[in-house]
Amino acid sequence: MNGSIVMRRTLVQALAIFGISVGIAAASAWWHPRAPAWFLTETTDPWEIRIDQVAGLGEEVVWIDARSAAEHEKGHVPGSLLLNEDNWGDRVFELQDELSAAMGKPVVVYCDGSGCEKSRHIAERLRQLVGLDPVYVLKGDWRAVQ
């Protein structure tokens, strides 16, 4: 009988320690200023746009292809301007009339799908260096435009 009392007392103490630990951990997770999110949230870029949203921009959308010249020759959005990082300076100079005409019009930059960062870099340059606004990055595959 003495052994079962000791065992019961040990179990109660272990459960009490466990309960206190869980309470402290929950309080820390809830109130800690740098606590991670409790669930995954999709961070959205305000400059990202899906193909179904492009129609809402109007009819005068300017398309910029941020891929290489070889990829552009294989296929592109009809009427798109080729402007990539490889020949940025030369192409901006060659396209200065088209880019000036794009002022105030929505611009959509695309490359090879959602994982491609080329379009983000070109869009940022167009906003900061050329002064175009708004400049969006196409989220998804450009082939769905055709």
N, C-alpha and C. Protein backbone atom coordinates (compact mmCIF):
# COMPACT_ATOMS: atom_id res chain seq x y z
N MET A 1 0.83 -1.18 0.00
CA MET A 1 0.00 0.00 0.00
C MET A 1 0.88 1.25 0.00
N ASN A 2 1.95 1.24 0.72
CA ASN A 2 2.85 2.36 0.78
C ASN A 2 3.47 2.66 -0.58
N GLY A 3 3.77 1.61 -1.38
CA GLY A 3 4.36 1.78 -2.71
C GLY A 3 3.38 2.43 -3.69
N SER A 4 2.07 2.09 -3.58
CA SER A 4 1.09 2.68 -4.49
C SER A 4 0.86 4.15 -4.19
N ILE A 5 0.98 4.54 -2.91
CA ILE A 5 0.83 5.95 -2.53
C ILE A 5 1.99 6.77 -3.11
N VAL A 6 3.19 6.24 -3.01
CA VAL A 6 4.36 6.92 -3.55
C VAL A 6 4.23 7.05 -5.07
N MET A 7 3.75 5.98 -5.71
CA MET A 7 3.59 6.00 -7.16
C MET A 7 2.53 7.02 -7.58
N ARG A 8 1.42 7.06 -6.85
CA ARG A 8 0.35 8.00 -7.15
C ARG A 8 0.83 9.44 -6.95
N ARG A 9 1.58 9.67 -5.85
CA ARG A 9 2.11 11.00 -5.57
C ARG A 9 3.08 11.43 -6.67
N THR A 10 3.92 10.53 -7.15
CA THR A 10 4.87 10.82 -8.23
C THR A 10 4.12 11.16 -9.52
N LEU A 11 3.08 10.41 -9.82
CA LEU A 11 2.27 10.67 -11.01
C LEU A 11 1.59 12.03 -10.93
N VAL A 12 1.04 12.38 -9.80
CA VAL A 12 0.39 13.68 -9.61
C VAL A 12 1.40 14.81 -9.77
N GLN A 13 2.59 14.63 -9.19
CA GLN A 13 3.63 15.66 -9.32
C GLN A 13 4.08 15.81 -10.78
N ALA A 14 4.23 14.69 -11.47
CA ALA A 14 4.64 14.73 -12.88
C ALA A 14 3.59 15.44 -13.73
N LEU A 15 2.31 15.12 -13.47
CA LEU A 15 1.23 15.78 -14.21
C LEU A 15 1.16 17.27 -13.88
N ALA A 16 1.42 17.63 -12.64
CA ALA A 16 1.43 19.05 -12.25
C ALA A 16 2.56 19.79 -12.95
N ILE A 17 3.74 19.18 -12.97
CA ILE A 17 4.88 19.81 -13.66
C ILE A 17 4.59 19.94 -15.15
N PHE A 18 4.02 18.90 -15.74
CA PHE A 18 3.67 18.94 -17.17
C PHE A 18 2.65 20.04 -17.44
N GLY A 19 1.62 20.14 -16.61
CA GLY A 19 0.58 21.16 -16.80
C GLY A 19 1.14 22.57 -16.68
N ILE A 20 1.99 22.79 -15.71
CA ILE A 20 2.62 24.11 -15.54
C ILE A 20 3.50 24.44 -16.73
N SER A 21 4.25 23.45 -17.22
CA SER A 21 5.12 23.67 -18.38
C SER A 21 4.31 24.02 -19.62
N VAL A 22 3.22 23.31 -19.84
CA VAL A 22 2.36 23.60 -21.00
C VAL A 22 1.77 25.00 -20.88
N GLY A 23 1.34 25.37 -19.69
CA GLY A 23 0.78 26.70 -19.48
C GLY A 23 1.79 27.80 -19.76
N ILE A 24 3.01 27.62 -19.27
CA ILE A 24 4.06 28.62 -19.50
C ILE A 24 4.42 28.70 -20.98
N ALA A 25 4.51 27.54 -21.63
CA ALA A 25 4.84 27.52 -23.06
C ALA A 25 3.75 28.21 -23.88
N ALA A 26 2.48 27.94 -23.57
CA ALA A 26 1.38 28.57 -24.29
C ALA A 26 1.37 30.08 -24.07
N ALA A 27 1.60 30.51 -22.83
CA ALA A 27 1.63 31.95 -22.55
C ALA A 27 2.79 32.62 -23.29
N SER A 28 3.93 31.96 -23.32
CA SER A 28 5.09 32.51 -24.03
C SER A 28 4.83 32.60 -25.52
N ALA A 29 4.24 31.57 -26.08
CA ALA A 29 3.94 31.57 -27.51
C ALA A 29 2.89 32.63 -27.86
N TRP A 30 1.96 32.85 -26.98
CA TRP A 30 0.87 33.80 -27.25
C TRP A 30 1.35 35.25 -27.14
N TRP A 31 2.12 35.57 -26.10
CA TRP A 31 2.46 36.96 -25.82
C TRP A 31 3.87 37.39 -26.24
N HIS A 32 4.69 36.45 -26.67
CA HIS A 32 6.06 36.80 -27.04
C HIS A 32 6.04 37.70 -28.28
N PRO A 33 6.80 38.79 -28.28
CA PRO A 33 6.74 39.75 -29.40
C PRO A 33 7.23 39.17 -30.73
N ARG A 34 8.08 38.17 -30.69
CA ARG A 34 8.56 37.58 -31.94
C ARG A 34 8.07 36.15 -32.11
N ALA A 35 6.89 35.87 -31.62
CA ALA A 35 6.34 34.52 -31.74
C ALA A 35 6.00 34.24 -33.21
N PRO A 36 6.26 33.03 -33.68
CA PRO A 36 5.92 32.71 -35.06
C PRO A 36 4.41 32.62 -35.24
N ALA A 37 3.98 32.70 -36.48
CA ALA A 37 2.54 32.60 -36.77
C ALA A 37 2.04 31.20 -36.40
N TRP A 38 0.80 31.13 -35.96
CA TRP A 38 0.21 29.85 -35.58
C TRP A 38 -0.21 29.07 -36.81
N PHE A 39 -0.35 29.73 -37.94
CA PHE A 39 -0.74 29.06 -39.17
C PHE A 39 0.00 29.73 -40.31
N LEU A 40 0.13 29.02 -41.41
CA LEU A 40 0.83 29.56 -42.56
C LEU A 40 -0.05 30.58 -43.27
N THR A 41 0.52 31.70 -43.57
CA THR A 41 -0.20 32.72 -44.32
C THR A 41 0.54 32.94 -45.62
N GLU A 42 -0.21 33.14 -46.67
CA GLU A 42 0.40 33.41 -47.96
C GLU A 42 0.70 34.90 -48.03
N THR A 43 1.96 35.22 -48.16
CA THR A 43 2.32 36.61 -48.29
C THR A 43 2.10 37.02 -49.73
N THR A 44 1.42 38.10 -49.91
CA THR A 44 1.13 38.53 -51.26
C THR A 44 1.89 39.81 -51.57
N ASP A 45 2.40 39.84 -52.74
CA ASP A 45 3.09 41.01 -53.24
C ASP A 45 2.04 41.92 -53.87
N PRO A 46 1.95 43.17 -53.46
CA PRO A 46 0.91 44.04 -54.03
C PRO A 46 1.09 44.26 -55.52
N TRP A 47 2.26 43.95 -56.04
CA TRP A 47 2.51 44.14 -57.47
C TRP A 47 2.29 42.87 -58.28
N GLU A 48 1.95 41.76 -57.63
CA GLU A 48 1.65 40.54 -58.36
C GLU A 48 0.23 40.60 -58.91
N ILE A 49 0.08 40.06 -60.10
CA ILE A 49 -1.24 40.04 -60.71
C ILE A 49 -1.43 38.72 -61.45
N ARG A 50 -2.63 38.18 -61.33
CA ARG A 50 -2.97 36.95 -62.04
C ARG A 50 -3.54 37.30 -63.41
N ILE A 51 -3.52 36.33 -64.29
CA ILE A 51 -3.99 36.56 -65.66
C ILE A 51 -5.44 37.02 -65.67
N ASP A 52 -6.28 36.43 -64.82
CA ASP A 52 -7.69 36.82 -64.80
C ASP A 52 -7.90 38.25 -64.30
N GLN A 53 -6.92 38.82 -63.62
CA GLN A 53 -7.02 40.19 -63.13
C GLN A 53 -6.54 41.22 -64.16
N VAL A 54 -5.77 40.78 -65.14
CA VAL A 54 -5.20 41.70 -66.13
C VAL A 54 -6.30 42.39 -66.92
N ALA A 55 -7.38 41.68 -67.23
CA ALA A 55 -8.48 42.27 -68.01
C ALA A 55 -9.07 43.49 -67.29
N GLY A 56 -9.03 43.50 -65.98
CA GLY A 56 -9.54 44.63 -65.20
C GLY A 56 -8.67 45.87 -65.28
N LEU A 57 -7.48 45.76 -65.86
CA LEU A 57 -6.59 46.91 -65.99
C LEU A 57 -6.95 47.80 -67.17
N GLY A 58 -7.76 47.30 -68.08
CA GLY A 58 -8.12 48.07 -69.27
C GLY A 58 -7.50 47.48 -70.52
N GLU A 59 -7.70 48.16 -71.63
CA GLU A 59 -7.24 47.64 -72.91
C GLU A 59 -5.81 48.05 -73.24
N GLU A 60 -5.28 49.05 -72.58
CA GLU A 60 -3.95 49.57 -72.94
C GLU A 60 -2.85 49.03 -72.04
N VAL A 61 -2.85 47.73 -71.81
CA VAL A 61 -1.81 47.11 -71.00
C VAL A 61 -0.55 46.96 -71.84
N VAL A 62 0.58 47.35 -71.26
CA VAL A 62 1.88 47.20 -71.92
C VAL A 62 2.53 45.96 -71.35
N TRP A 63 2.87 45.01 -72.21
CA TRP A 63 3.49 43.76 -71.79
C TRP A 63 4.99 43.84 -71.99
N ILE A 64 5.74 43.43 -70.97
CA ILE A 64 7.20 43.40 -71.02
C ILE A 64 7.65 41.95 -70.80
N ASP A 65 8.44 41.44 -71.72
CA ASP A 65 9.00 40.09 -71.63
C ASP A 65 10.40 40.19 -71.04
N ALA A 66 10.59 39.62 -69.85
CA ALA A 66 11.89 39.70 -69.15
C ALA A 66 12.79 38.50 -69.45
N ARG A 67 12.40 37.68 -70.41
CA ARG A 67 13.19 36.50 -70.73
C ARG A 67 14.29 36.85 -71.73
N SER A 68 15.07 35.85 -72.10
CA SER A 68 16.15 36.07 -73.08
C SER A 68 15.56 36.27 -74.47
N ALA A 69 16.38 36.80 -75.37
CA ALA A 69 15.94 37.01 -76.76
C ALA A 69 15.59 35.69 -77.42
N ALA A 70 16.36 34.64 -77.14
CA ALA A 70 16.07 33.33 -77.73
C ALA A 70 14.71 32.80 -77.26
N GLU A 71 14.41 32.96 -75.98
CA GLU A 71 13.12 32.52 -75.46
C GLU A 71 11.99 33.37 -76.04
N HIS A 72 12.23 34.65 -76.20
CA HIS A 72 11.24 35.56 -76.77
C HIS A 72 10.92 35.17 -78.21
N GLU A 73 11.95 34.78 -78.97
CA GLU A 73 11.74 34.38 -80.37
C GLU A 73 10.92 33.10 -80.46
N LYS A 74 11.04 32.21 -79.49
CA LYS A 74 10.27 30.96 -79.51
C LYS A 74 8.79 31.21 -79.29
N GLY A 75 8.46 32.27 -78.57
CA GLY A 75 7.07 32.60 -78.30
C GLY A 75 6.97 33.67 -77.25
N HIS A 76 5.96 34.53 -77.39
CA HIS A 76 5.77 35.62 -76.44
C HIS A 76 4.35 36.15 -76.54
N VAL A 77 3.98 36.99 -75.60
CA VAL A 77 2.68 37.66 -75.65
C VAL A 77 2.71 38.60 -76.84
N PRO A 78 1.70 38.53 -77.71
CA PRO A 78 1.69 39.41 -78.88
C PRO A 78 1.82 40.89 -78.49
N GLY A 79 2.75 41.58 -79.15
CA GLY A 79 2.96 43.00 -78.89
C GLY A 79 3.84 43.30 -77.70
N SER A 80 4.36 42.27 -77.04
CA SER A 80 5.20 42.51 -75.85
C SER A 80 6.56 43.08 -76.25
N LEU A 81 7.14 43.84 -75.34
CA LEU A 81 8.46 44.42 -75.53
C LEU A 81 9.49 43.55 -74.83
N LEU A 82 10.58 43.24 -75.50
CA LEU A 82 11.64 42.45 -74.91
C LEU A 82 12.56 43.37 -74.11
N LEU A 83 12.64 43.14 -72.81
CA LEU A 83 13.50 43.95 -71.94
C LEU A 83 13.96 43.06 -70.80
N ASN A 84 15.25 42.70 -70.81
CA ASN A 84 15.77 41.82 -69.77
C ASN A 84 17.02 42.42 -69.14
N GLU A 85 17.54 41.73 -68.14
CA GLU A 85 18.70 42.25 -67.41
C GLU A 85 19.99 42.17 -68.20
N ASP A 86 20.06 41.22 -69.14
CA ASP A 86 21.29 41.03 -69.90
C ASP A 86 21.68 42.26 -70.71
N ASN A 87 20.70 42.88 -71.34
CA ASN A 87 20.99 44.04 -72.19
C ASN A 87 20.12 45.23 -71.78
N TRP A 88 19.98 45.43 -70.49
CA TRP A 88 19.10 46.47 -69.94
C TRP A 88 19.37 47.85 -70.53
N GLY A 89 20.60 48.31 -70.44
CA GLY A 89 20.92 49.67 -70.88
C GLY A 89 20.64 49.90 -72.35
N ASP A 90 21.07 48.97 -73.19
CA ASP A 90 20.84 49.10 -74.63
C ASP A 90 19.37 49.07 -74.97
N ARG A 91 18.64 48.12 -74.36
CA ARG A 91 17.21 47.96 -74.69
C ARG A 91 16.39 49.15 -74.17
N VAL A 92 16.72 49.68 -73.01
CA VAL A 92 15.98 50.85 -72.52
C VAL A 92 16.16 52.01 -73.48
N PHE A 93 17.37 52.17 -73.99
CA PHE A 93 17.64 53.23 -74.96
C PHE A 93 16.86 52.98 -76.25
N GLU A 94 16.87 51.74 -76.75
CA GLU A 94 16.15 51.41 -77.98
C GLU A 94 14.64 51.54 -77.82
N LEU A 95 14.14 51.28 -76.62
CA LEU A 95 12.69 51.29 -76.37
C LEU A 95 12.21 52.58 -75.71
N GLN A 96 13.02 53.64 -75.76
CA GLN A 96 12.65 54.85 -75.03
C GLN A 96 11.32 55.44 -75.50
N ASP A 97 11.01 55.37 -76.79
CA ASP A 97 9.72 55.88 -77.27
C ASP A 97 8.56 55.05 -76.73
N GLU A 98 8.71 53.72 -76.79
CA GLU A 98 7.65 52.83 -76.30
C GLU A 98 7.47 52.98 -74.79
N LEU A 99 8.57 53.11 -74.06
CA LEU A 99 8.48 53.27 -72.61
C LEU A 99 7.89 54.63 -72.23
N SER A 100 8.20 55.66 -73.00
CA SER A 100 7.59 56.97 -72.74
C SER A 100 6.09 56.92 -72.99
N ALA A 101 5.70 56.19 -74.04
CA ALA A 101 4.27 56.05 -74.34
C ALA A 101 3.55 55.23 -73.27
N ALA A 102 4.29 54.41 -72.53
CA ALA A 102 3.70 53.57 -71.49
C ALA A 102 3.45 54.32 -70.19
N MET A 103 3.93 55.54 -70.07
CA MET A 103 3.73 56.32 -68.84
C MET A 103 2.22 56.45 -68.57
N GLY A 104 1.84 56.11 -67.36
CA GLY A 104 0.44 56.21 -66.97
C GLY A 104 -0.40 55.00 -67.36
N LYS A 105 0.16 54.08 -68.12
CA LYS A 105 -0.56 52.86 -68.51
C LYS A 105 -0.09 51.72 -67.62
N PRO A 106 -0.96 50.74 -67.40
CA PRO A 106 -0.52 49.59 -66.61
C PRO A 106 0.48 48.75 -67.40
N VAL A 107 1.54 48.34 -66.73
CA VAL A 107 2.59 47.53 -67.34
C VAL A 107 2.61 46.18 -66.61
N VAL A 108 2.67 45.10 -67.39
CA VAL A 108 2.76 43.76 -66.82
C VAL A 108 4.03 43.11 -67.34
N VAL A 109 4.90 42.70 -66.41
CA VAL A 109 6.17 42.06 -66.76
C VAL A 109 6.03 40.56 -66.50
N TYR A 110 6.52 39.77 -67.43
CA TYR A 110 6.44 38.32 -67.25
C TYR A 110 7.76 37.66 -67.63
N CYS A 111 7.94 36.43 -67.13
CA CYS A 111 9.06 35.59 -67.54
C CYS A 111 8.55 34.15 -67.58
N ASP A 112 9.29 33.22 -67.05
CA ASP A 112 8.93 31.80 -67.18
C ASP A 112 8.13 31.25 -66.01
N GLY A 113 7.07 31.85 -65.63
CA GLY A 113 6.22 31.31 -64.57
C GLY A 113 6.48 31.95 -63.22
N SER A 114 5.78 31.42 -62.21
CA SER A 114 5.80 32.01 -60.87
C SER A 114 7.16 31.96 -60.18
N GLY A 115 7.97 30.95 -60.48
CA GLY A 115 9.26 30.82 -59.82
C GLY A 115 10.34 31.71 -60.40
N CYS A 116 10.06 32.37 -61.49
CA CYS A 116 11.05 33.20 -62.18
C CYS A 116 11.16 34.56 -61.50
N GLU A 117 12.36 34.96 -61.17
CA GLU A 117 12.60 36.24 -60.49
C GLU A 117 12.98 37.35 -61.47
N LYS A 118 13.24 37.01 -62.72
CA LYS A 118 13.64 38.03 -63.70
C LYS A 118 12.59 39.13 -63.81
N SER A 119 11.32 38.73 -63.84
CA SER A 119 10.25 39.72 -64.00
C SER A 119 10.19 40.67 -62.81
N ARG A 120 10.44 40.17 -61.61
CA ARG A 120 10.44 41.04 -60.42
C ARG A 120 11.55 42.08 -60.51
N HIS A 121 12.74 41.66 -60.96
CA HIS A 121 13.86 42.58 -61.07
C HIS A 121 13.60 43.65 -62.13
N ILE A 122 13.06 43.25 -63.26
CA ILE A 122 12.76 44.21 -64.33
C ILE A 122 11.65 45.16 -63.89
N ALA A 123 10.63 44.64 -63.23
CA ALA A 123 9.54 45.49 -62.75
C ALA A 123 10.05 46.54 -61.77
N GLU A 124 10.94 46.12 -60.88
CA GLU A 124 11.52 47.06 -59.91
C GLU A 124 12.33 48.14 -60.62
N ARG A 125 13.11 47.75 -61.60
CA ARG A 125 13.89 48.74 -62.36
C ARG A 125 12.98 49.70 -63.12
N LEU A 126 11.91 49.19 -63.69
CA LEU A 126 10.98 50.05 -64.43
C LEU A 126 10.33 51.07 -63.50
N ARG A 127 10.01 50.65 -62.29
CA ARG A 127 9.41 51.57 -61.32
C ARG A 127 10.42 52.61 -60.86
N GLN A 128 11.61 52.15 -60.48
CA GLN A 128 12.59 53.05 -59.86
C GLN A 128 13.39 53.87 -60.86
N LEU A 129 13.86 53.24 -61.93
CA LEU A 129 14.76 53.93 -62.85
C LEU A 129 14.06 54.61 -64.02
N VAL A 130 12.98 54.00 -64.48
CA VAL A 130 12.28 54.57 -65.64
C VAL A 130 11.10 55.44 -65.19
N GLY A 131 10.53 55.13 -64.03
CA GLY A 131 9.43 55.93 -63.51
C GLY A 131 8.05 55.47 -63.95
N LEU A 132 7.95 54.25 -64.44
CA LEU A 132 6.63 53.73 -64.84
C LEU A 132 5.84 53.35 -63.60
N ASP A 133 4.53 53.57 -63.69
CA ASP A 133 3.64 53.22 -62.59
C ASP A 133 2.23 53.11 -63.13
N PRO A 134 1.53 52.05 -62.88
CA PRO A 134 1.88 50.86 -62.11
C PRO A 134 2.60 49.82 -62.97
N VAL A 135 3.48 49.07 -62.34
CA VAL A 135 4.18 47.98 -63.01
C VAL A 135 3.91 46.71 -62.20
N TYR A 136 3.24 45.75 -62.83
CA TYR A 136 2.87 44.50 -62.17
C TYR A 136 3.76 43.37 -62.64
N VAL A 137 3.81 42.31 -61.83
CA VAL A 137 4.52 41.09 -62.17
C VAL A 137 3.46 40.00 -62.36
N LEU A 138 3.48 39.36 -63.52
CA LEU A 138 2.50 38.32 -63.81
C LEU A 138 2.76 37.10 -62.95
N LYS A 139 1.75 36.66 -62.24
CA LYS A 139 1.83 35.46 -61.42
C LYS A 139 1.21 34.33 -62.24
N GLY A 140 2.03 33.37 -62.60
CA GLY A 140 1.54 32.26 -63.41
C GLY A 140 2.23 32.24 -64.77
N ASP A 141 1.73 31.40 -65.63
CA ASP A 141 2.34 31.18 -66.94
C ASP A 141 1.81 32.17 -67.97
N TRP A 142 2.71 32.82 -68.68
CA TRP A 142 2.32 33.81 -69.67
C TRP A 142 1.58 33.20 -70.85
N ARG A 143 1.74 31.90 -71.10
CA ARG A 143 1.11 31.26 -72.25
C ARG A 143 -0.42 31.29 -72.15
N ALA A 144 -0.95 31.46 -70.98
CA ALA A 144 -2.40 31.53 -70.79
C ALA A 144 -2.98 32.85 -71.31
N VAL A 145 -2.12 33.81 -71.63
CA VAL A 145 -2.58 35.11 -72.12
C VAL A 145 -3.11 34.99 -73.54
N GLN A 146 -2.47 34.16 -74.33
CA GLN A 146 -2.81 34.07 -75.77
C GLN A 146 -4.17 33.56 -75.99
